[in-house]
């Protein structure tokens, strides 16, 4: 269990549908392995704001 991401596993439906993967952005194969079969990917290596 990762204490940094523990709160994500508490989200509704997370137990059945959420998979957290670690990938190296500079390693194409690790990225490919992490996103294979995904319907959606959240890339969180850069900040995102909702402030135009």
PDB file of N, CA and C in Angstrom:
ATOM      1  N   UNK A   1       0.837  -1.200   0.000  1.00  0.00           N
ATOM      2  CA  UNK A   1       0.000   0.000   0.000  1.00  0.00           C
ATOM      3  C   UNK A   1       0.871   1.249   0.000  1.00  0.00           C
ATOM      4  N   UNK A   2       0.521   2.177  -0.852  1.00  0.00           N
ATOM      5  CA  UNK A   2       1.251   3.433  -0.992  1.00  0.00           C
ATOM      6  C   UNK A   2       0.506   4.535  -0.243  1.00  0.00           C
ATOM      7  N   UNK A   3       1.038   5.022   0.879  1.00  0.00           N
ATOM      8  CA  UNK A   3       0.331   6.044   1.655  1.00  0.00           C
ATOM      9  C   UNK A   3       0.090   7.332   0.867  1.00  0.00           C
ATOM     10  N   UNK A   4       0.932   7.606  -0.113  1.00  0.00           N
ATOM     11  CA  UNK A   4       0.783   8.822  -0.920  1.00  0.00           C
ATOM     12  C   UNK A   4      -0.490   8.782  -1.773  1.00  0.00           C
ATOM     13  N   UNK A   5      -0.881   7.605  -2.220  1.00  0.00           N
ATOM     14  CA  UNK A   5      -2.044   7.461  -3.105  1.00  0.00           C
ATOM     15  C   UNK A   5      -3.203   6.713  -2.462  1.00  0.00           C
ATOM     16  N   UNK A   6      -3.122   6.481  -1.151  1.00  0.00           N
ATOM     17  CA  UNK A   6      -4.141   5.715  -0.439  1.00  0.00           C
ATOM     18  C   UNK A   6      -5.534   6.303  -0.629  1.00  0.00           C
ATOM     19  N   UNK A   7      -5.631   7.632  -0.640  1.00  0.00           N
ATOM     20  CA  UNK A   7      -6.933   8.303  -0.768  1.00  0.00           C
ATOM     21  C   UNK A   7      -7.619   7.975  -2.096  1.00  0.00           C
ATOM     22  N   UNK A   8      -6.851   7.699  -3.129  1.00  0.00           N
ATOM     23  CA  UNK A   8      -7.441   7.373  -4.428  1.00  0.00           C
ATOM     24  C   UNK A   8      -8.163   6.030  -4.384  1.00  0.00           C
ATOM     25  N   UNK A   9      -7.636   5.101  -3.616  1.00  0.00           N
ATOM     26  CA  UNK A   9      -8.260   3.780  -3.494  1.00  0.00           C
ATOM     27  C   UNK A   9      -9.566   3.841  -2.710  1.00  0.00           C
ATOM     28  N   UNK A  10      -9.814   4.949  -2.011  1.00  0.00           N
ATOM     29  CA  UNK A  10     -11.046   5.130  -1.239  1.00  0.00           C
ATOM     30  C   UNK A  10     -12.186   5.676  -2.104  1.00  0.00           C
ATOM     31  N   UNK A  11     -11.904   6.100  -3.326  1.00  0.00           N
ATOM     32  CA  UNK A  11     -12.939   6.642  -4.201  1.00  0.00           C
ATOM     33  C   UNK A  11     -13.955   5.561  -4.563  1.00  0.00           C
ATOM     34  N   UNK A  12     -15.178   5.979  -4.780  1.00  0.00           N
ATOM     35  CA  UNK A  12     -16.237   5.040  -5.149  1.00  0.00           C
ATOM     36  C   UNK A  12     -15.870   4.306  -6.443  1.00  0.00           C
ATOM     37  N   UNK A  13     -15.915   2.997  -6.414  1.00  0.00           N
ATOM     38  CA  UNK A  13     -15.618   2.184  -7.588  1.00  0.00           C
ATOM     39  C   UNK A  13     -14.138   1.918  -7.809  1.00  0.00           C
ATOM     40  N   UNK A  14     -13.281   2.536  -7.022  1.00  0.00           N
ATOM     41  CA  UNK A  14     -11.838   2.390  -7.227  1.00  0.00           C
ATOM     42  C   UNK A  14     -11.370   0.955  -7.035  1.00  0.00           C
ATOM     43  N   UNK A  15     -11.932   0.275  -6.069  1.00  0.00           N
ATOM     44  CA  UNK A  15     -11.531  -1.099  -5.776  1.00  0.00           C
ATOM     45  C   UNK A  15     -11.681  -1.992  -7.004  1.00  0.00           C
ATOM     46  N   UNK A  16     -12.714  -1.737  -7.813  1.00  0.00           N
ATOM     47  CA  UNK A  16     -12.974  -2.565  -8.994  1.00  0.00           C
ATOM     48  C   UNK A  16     -12.358  -2.005 -10.274  1.00  0.00           C
ATOM     49  N   UNK A  17     -12.193  -0.671 -10.361  1.00  0.00           N
ATOM     50  CA  UNK A  17     -11.857  -0.079 -11.657  1.00  0.00           C
ATOM     51  C   UNK A  17     -10.560   0.713 -11.716  1.00  0.00           C
ATOM     52  N   UNK A  18      -9.978   1.064 -10.583  1.00  0.00           N
ATOM     53  CA  UNK A  18      -8.791   1.922 -10.595  1.00  0.00           C
ATOM     54  C   UNK A  18      -7.519   1.097 -10.491  1.00  0.00           C
ATOM     55  N   UNK A  19      -6.610   1.328 -11.419  1.00  0.00           N
ATOM     56  CA  UNK A  19      -5.297   0.693 -11.379  1.00  0.00           C
ATOM     57  C   UNK A  19      -4.265   1.800 -11.489  1.00  0.00           C
ATOM     58  N   UNK A  20      -3.383   1.889 -10.509  1.00  0.00           N
ATOM     59  CA  UNK A  20      -2.315   2.882 -10.536  1.00  0.00           C
ATOM     60  C   UNK A  20      -1.045   2.210 -11.028  1.00  0.00           C
ATOM     61  N   UNK A  21      -0.410   2.826 -12.012  1.00  0.00           N
ATOM     62  CA  UNK A  21       0.805   2.269 -12.596  1.00  0.00           C
ATOM     63  C   UNK A  21       1.922   3.295 -12.494  1.00  0.00           C
ATOM     64  N   UNK A  22       3.127   2.823 -12.303  1.00  0.00           N
ATOM     65  CA  UNK A  22       4.296   3.694 -12.309  1.00  0.00           C
ATOM     66  C   UNK A  22       4.966   3.528 -13.675  1.00  0.00           C
ATOM     67  N   UNK A  23       5.330   4.659 -14.279  1.00  0.00           N
ATOM     68  CA  UNK A  23       5.994   4.612 -15.583  1.00  0.00           C
ATOM     69  C   UNK A  23       7.051   5.701 -15.646  1.00  0.00           C
ATOM     70  N   UNK A  24       8.114   5.431 -16.348  1.00  0.00           N
ATOM     71  CA  UNK A  24       9.191   6.396 -16.570  1.00  0.00           C
ATOM     72  C   UNK A  24       8.897   7.112 -17.880  1.00  0.00           C
ATOM     73  N   UNK A  25       8.685   8.416 -17.824  1.00  0.00           N
ATOM     74  CA  UNK A  25       8.336   9.178 -19.027  1.00  0.00           C
ATOM     75  C   UNK A  25       9.418   9.141 -20.097  1.00  0.00           C
ATOM     76  N   UNK A  26      10.633   8.792 -19.718  1.00  0.00           N
ATOM     77  CA  UNK A  26      11.725   8.712 -20.685  1.00  0.00           C
ATOM     78  C   UNK A  26      11.928   7.293 -21.218  1.00  0.00           C
ATOM     79  N   UNK A  27      11.113   6.357 -20.767  1.00  0.00           N
ATOM     80  CA  UNK A  27      11.227   4.960 -21.184  1.00  0.00           C
ATOM     81  C   UNK A  27       9.952   4.549 -21.916  1.00  0.00           C
ATOM     82  N   UNK A  28      10.011   4.517 -23.237  1.00  0.00           N
ATOM     83  CA  UNK A  28       8.845   4.222 -24.070  1.00  0.00           C
ATOM     84  C   UNK A  28       8.185   2.902 -23.690  1.00  0.00           C
ATOM     85  N   UNK A  29       8.973   1.875 -23.435  1.00  0.00           N
ATOM     86  CA  UNK A  29       8.417   0.555 -23.112  1.00  0.00           C
ATOM     87  C   UNK A  29       7.642   0.578 -21.797  1.00  0.00           C
ATOM     88  N   UNK A  30       8.126   1.331 -20.811  1.00  0.00           N
ATOM     89  CA  UNK A  30       7.399   1.386 -19.537  1.00  0.00           C
ATOM     90  C   UNK A  30       6.085   2.133 -19.713  1.00  0.00           C
ATOM     91  N   UNK A  31       6.068   3.143 -20.575  1.00  0.00           N
ATOM     92  CA  UNK A  31       4.822   3.861 -20.862  1.00  0.00           C
ATOM     93  C   UNK A  31       3.841   2.944 -21.585  1.00  0.00           C
ATOM     94  N   UNK A  32       4.323   2.242 -22.574  1.00  0.00           N
ATOM     95  CA  UNK A  32       3.482   1.328 -23.340  1.00  0.00           C
ATOM     96  C   UNK A  32       2.870   0.265 -22.430  1.00  0.00           C
ATOM     97  N   UNK A  33       3.675  -0.268 -21.548  1.00  0.00           N
ATOM     98  CA  UNK A  33       3.206  -1.283 -20.613  1.00  0.00           C
ATOM     99  C   UNK A  33       2.139  -0.724 -19.673  1.00  0.00           C
ATOM    100  N   UNK A  34       2.311   0.515 -19.237  1.00  0.00           N
ATOM    101  CA  UNK A  34       1.374   1.130 -18.290  1.00  0.00           C
ATOM    102  C   UNK A  34       0.028   1.464 -18.930  1.00  0.00           C
ATOM    103  N   UNK A  35       0.010   1.814 -20.224  1.00  0.00           N
ATOM    104  CA  UNK A  35      -1.245   2.257 -20.848  1.00  0.00           C
ATOM    105  C   UNK A  35      -1.920   1.188 -21.709  1.00  0.00           C
ATOM    106  N   UNK A  36      -1.281   0.049 -21.867  1.00  0.00           N
ATOM    107  CA  UNK A  36      -1.859  -1.016 -22.688  1.00  0.00           C
ATOM    108  C   UNK A  36      -3.225  -1.433 -22.143  1.00  0.00           C
ATOM    109  N   UNK A  37      -4.244  -1.401 -22.981  1.00  0.00           N
ATOM    110  CA  UNK A  37      -5.582  -1.810 -22.601  1.00  0.00           C
ATOM    111  C   UNK A  37      -6.398  -0.746 -21.888  1.00  0.00           C
ATOM    112  N   UNK A  38      -5.860   0.442 -21.747  1.00  0.00           N
ATOM    113  CA  UNK A  38      -6.566   1.517 -21.032  1.00  0.00           C
ATOM    114  C   UNK A  38      -7.593   2.205 -21.923  1.00  0.00           C
ATOM    115  N   UNK A  39      -8.644   2.673 -21.306  1.00  0.00           N
ATOM    116  CA  UNK A  39      -9.637   3.500 -21.985  1.00  0.00           C
ATOM    117  C   UNK A  39      -9.373   4.974 -21.725  1.00  0.00           C
ATOM    118  N   UNK A  40      -8.604   5.268 -20.699  1.00  0.00           N
ATOM    119  CA  UNK A  40      -8.272   6.648 -20.345  1.00  0.00           C
ATOM    120  C   UNK A  40      -7.001   6.672 -19.520  1.00  0.00           C
ATOM    121  N   UNK A  41      -6.223   7.725 -19.690  1.00  0.00           N
ATOM    122  CA  UNK A  41      -4.958   7.868 -18.968  1.00  0.00           C
ATOM    123  C   UNK A  41      -4.872   9.284 -18.429  1.00  0.00           C
ATOM    124  N   UNK A  42      -4.555   9.426 -17.150  1.00  0.00           N
ATOM    125  CA  UNK A  42      -4.292  10.732 -16.553  1.00  0.00           C
ATOM    126  C   UNK A  42      -2.787  10.905 -16.470  1.00  0.00           C
ATOM    127  N   UNK A  43      -2.267  11.894 -17.152  1.00  0.00           N
ATOM    128  CA  UNK A  43      -0.840  12.201 -17.114  1.00  0.00           C
ATOM    129  C   UNK A  43      -0.660  13.302 -16.083  1.00  0.00           C
ATOM    130  N   UNK A  44      -0.061  12.984 -14.951  1.00  0.00           N
ATOM    131  CA  UNK A  44       0.029  13.954 -13.859  1.00  0.00           C
ATOM    132  C   UNK A  44       1.441  14.479 -13.643  1.00  0.00           C
ATOM    133  N   UNK A  45       2.291  14.373 -14.631  1.00  0.00           N
ATOM    134  CA  UNK A  45       3.658  14.849 -14.473  1.00  0.00           C
ATOM    135  C   UNK A  45       3.760  16.363 -14.611  1.00  0.00           C
ATOM    136  N   UNK A  46       2.698  17.005 -15.033  1.00  0.00           N
ATOM    137  CA  UNK A  46       2.715  18.464 -15.118  1.00  0.00           C
ATOM    138  C   UNK A  46       1.436  19.015 -14.483  1.00  0.00           C
ATOM    139  N   UNK A  47       1.530  20.194 -13.868  1.00  0.00           N
ATOM    140  CA  UNK A  47       0.353  20.757 -13.193  1.00  0.00           C
ATOM    141  C   UNK A  47      -0.720  21.196 -14.183  1.00  0.00           C
ATOM    142  N   UNK A  48      -1.954  21.081 -13.758  1.00  0.00           N
ATOM    143  CA  UNK A  48      -3.095  21.504 -14.561  1.00  0.00           C
ATOM    144  C   UNK A  48      -3.947  22.413 -13.686  1.00  0.00           C
ATOM    145  N   UNK A  49      -4.376  23.537 -14.245  1.00  0.00           N
ATOM    146  CA  UNK A  49      -5.243  24.436 -13.488  1.00  0.00           C
ATOM    147  C   UNK A  49      -6.526  24.677 -14.262  1.00  0.00           C
ATOM    148  N   UNK A  50      -7.520  25.138 -13.561  1.00  0.00           N
ATOM    149  CA  UNK A  50      -8.802  25.456 -14.180  1.00  0.00           C
ATOM    150  C   UNK A  50      -8.991  26.974 -14.195  1.00  0.00           C
ATOM    151  N   UNK A  51      -7.901  27.687 -14.383  1.00  0.00           N
ATOM    152  CA  UNK A  51      -7.917  29.146 -14.351  1.00  0.00           C
ATOM    153  C   UNK A  51      -7.453  29.681 -15.707  1.00  0.00           C
ATOM    154  N   UNK A  52      -8.399  30.139 -16.521  1.00  0.00           N
ATOM    155  CA  UNK A  52      -8.000  30.596 -17.861  1.00  0.00           C
ATOM    156  C   UNK A  52      -7.136  31.773 -17.779  1.00  0.00           C
TER     157      UNK A  52
END
